[in-house]
C-alpha atoms as a PDB file:
ATOM      1  CA  MET A   1      33.477 -31.639  87.523  1.00  0.00           C
ATOM      2  CA  VAL A   2      32.653 -31.427  91.200  1.00  0.00           C
ATOM      3  CA  ASN A   3      31.817 -27.701  90.956  1.00  0.00           C
ATOM      4  CA  ILE A   4      28.926 -28.167  88.534  1.00  0.00           C
ATOM      5  CA  GLU A   5      27.618 -31.085  90.608  1.00  0.00           C
ATOM      6  CA  LYS A   6      27.546 -28.870  93.697  1.00  0.00           C
ATOM      7  CA  LEU A   7      25.940 -25.998  91.780  1.00  0.00           C
ATOM      8  CA  VAL A   8      23.215 -28.229  90.315  1.00  0.00           C
ATOM      9  CA  LYS A   9      22.572 -29.745  93.767  1.00  0.00           C
ATOM     10  CA  SER A  10      22.335 -26.240  95.268  1.00  0.00           C
ATOM     11  CA  ILE A  11      19.835 -25.195  92.607  1.00  0.00           C
ATOM     12  CA  SER A  12      17.827 -28.374  93.146  1.00  0.00           C
ATOM     13  CA  ASP A  13      17.805 -27.827  96.915  1.00  0.00           C
ATOM     14  CA  LYS A  14      16.658 -24.217  96.446  1.00  0.00           C
ATOM     15  CA  LEU A  15      13.829 -25.291  94.114  1.00  0.00           C
ATOM     16  CA  ASN A  16      12.782 -27.982  96.604  1.00  0.00           C
ATOM     17  CA  THR A  17      12.777 -25.434  99.435  1.00  0.00           C
ATOM     18  CA  TYR A  18      10.296 -23.311  97.491  1.00  0.00           C
ATOM     19  CA  GLY A  19       8.233 -26.351  96.465  1.00  0.00           C
ATOM     20  CA  TYR A  20       8.965 -26.322  92.727  1.00  0.00           C
ATOM     21  CA  GLU A  21       8.947 -29.699  91.008  1.00  0.00           C
ATOM     22  CA  HIS A  22      11.825 -30.059  88.584  1.00  0.00           C
ATOM     23  CA  GLU A  23      13.748 -32.496  86.459  1.00  0.00           C
ATOM     24  CA  ILE A  24      17.524 -32.469  86.043  1.00  0.00           C
ATOM     25  CA  ALA A  25      19.206 -33.401  82.767  1.00  0.00           C
ATOM     26  CA  GLY A  26      22.780 -34.421  83.472  1.00  0.00           C
ATOM     27  CA  ASP A  27      24.663 -36.345  86.132  1.00  0.00           C
ATOM     28  CA  LYS A  28      28.238 -36.837  87.291  1.00  0.00           C
ATOM     29  CA  PHE A  29      29.025 -38.918  84.205  1.00  0.00           C
ATOM     30  CA  THR A  30      27.740 -36.381  81.675  1.00  0.00           C
ATOM     31  CA  PHE A  31      29.343 -33.529  83.653  1.00  0.00           C
ATOM     32  CA  ALA A  32      32.718 -35.185  83.057  1.00  0.00           C
ATOM     33  CA  ILE A  33      32.134 -34.923  79.302  1.00  0.00           C
ATOM     34  CA  ALA A  34      30.547 -31.462  79.225  1.00  0.00           C
ATOM     35  CA  PRO A  35      30.090 -29.169  82.239  1.00  0.00           C
ATOM     36  CA  THR A  36      26.485 -28.440  81.308  1.00  0.00           C
ATOM     37  CA  SER A  37      23.105 -29.241  82.822  1.00  0.00           C
ATOM     38  CA  THR A  38      19.501 -28.294  82.172  1.00  0.00           C
ATOM     39  CA  ILE A  39      16.910 -28.156  84.920  1.00  0.00           C
ATOM     40  CA  LEU A  40      13.273 -28.045  83.888  1.00  0.00           C
ATOM     41  CA  THR A  41      10.356 -26.796  85.967  1.00  0.00           C
ATOM     42  CA  ASN A  42       6.798 -26.513  84.653  1.00  0.00           C
ATOM     43  CA  ASN A  43       7.433 -23.147  82.970  1.00  0.00           C
ATOM     44  CA  CYS A  44      11.181 -22.495  83.282  1.00  0.00           C
ATOM     45  CA  THR A  45      14.322 -23.814  81.709  1.00  0.00           C
ATOM     46  CA  ILE A  46      17.364 -23.349  83.911  1.00  0.00           C
ATOM     47  CA  GLU A  47      20.624 -23.823  82.066  1.00  0.00           C
ATOM     48  CA  VAL A  48      23.911 -24.289  83.882  1.00  0.00           C
ATOM     49  CA  HIS A  49      27.166 -24.075  81.945  1.00  0.00           C
ATOM     50  CA  LYS A  50      30.308 -24.181  84.057  1.00  0.00           C
ATOM     51  CA  LYS A  51      29.544 -21.453  86.625  1.00  0.00           C
ATOM     52  CA  GLN A  52      26.968 -19.527  84.580  1.00  0.00           C
ATOM     53  CA  ILE A  53      23.259 -19.862  85.293  1.00  0.00           C
ATOM     54  CA  ALA A  54      20.451 -18.755  82.980  1.00  0.00           C
ATOM     55  CA  VAL A  55      16.709 -18.867  83.605  1.00  0.00           C
ATOM     56  CA  ASN A  56      14.744 -18.844  80.335  1.00  0.00           C
ATOM     57  CA  GLU A  57      17.889 -17.527  78.614  1.00  0.00           C
ATOM     58  CA  LYS A  58      18.312 -14.647  81.112  1.00  0.00           C
ATOM     59  CA  LEU A  59      21.635 -14.769  82.964  1.00  0.00           C
ATOM     60  CA  VAL A  60      21.457 -14.592  86.750  1.00  0.00           C
ATOM     61  CA  SER A  61      24.382 -14.058  89.082  1.00  0.00           C
ATOM     62  CA  ASN A  62      23.358 -16.141  92.099  1.00  0.00           C
ATOM     63  CA  LEU A  63      20.747 -18.507  93.534  1.00  0.00           C
ATOM     64  CA  ASP A  64      18.658 -15.678  94.988  1.00  0.00           C
ATOM     65  CA  GLU A  65      18.257 -14.089  91.543  1.00  0.00           C
ATOM     66  CA  LEU A  66      17.516 -17.530  90.117  1.00  0.00           C
ATOM     67  CA  ILE A  67      14.654 -18.165  92.537  1.00  0.00           C
ATOM     68  CA  GLU A  68      13.299 -14.629  91.961  1.00  0.00           C
ATOM     69  CA  GLU A  69      13.114 -15.328  88.222  1.00  0.00           C
ATOM     70  CA  VAL A  70      11.488 -18.730  88.800  1.00  0.00           C
ATOM     71  CA  ILE A  71       8.909 -17.208  91.181  1.00  0.00           C
ATOM     72  CA  GLU A  72       8.135 -14.488  88.624  1.00  0.00           C
ATOM     73  CA  VAL A  73       7.428 -17.052  85.913  1.00  0.00           C
ATOM     74  CA  GLU A  74       5.958 -19.911  87.950  1.00  0.00           C
ATOM     75  CA  GLY A  75       3.965 -17.736  90.334  1.00  0.00           C
END
């Protein structure tokens, strides 16, 4: 499940760039079982399932939309 690993790393890098602390649930071993990860910030839940990304249950189409949603909620 290399694709989800890369996607989760990209999301993590983007959050770090904007200074948002976050915690990732899932790693390369759990991705092999289920291609799903959850990334938690202080006020957002980012869910990744295969190639779909949702921020607080709202689907986003790319990392730019993701960070826009996080900024809107986190401030």
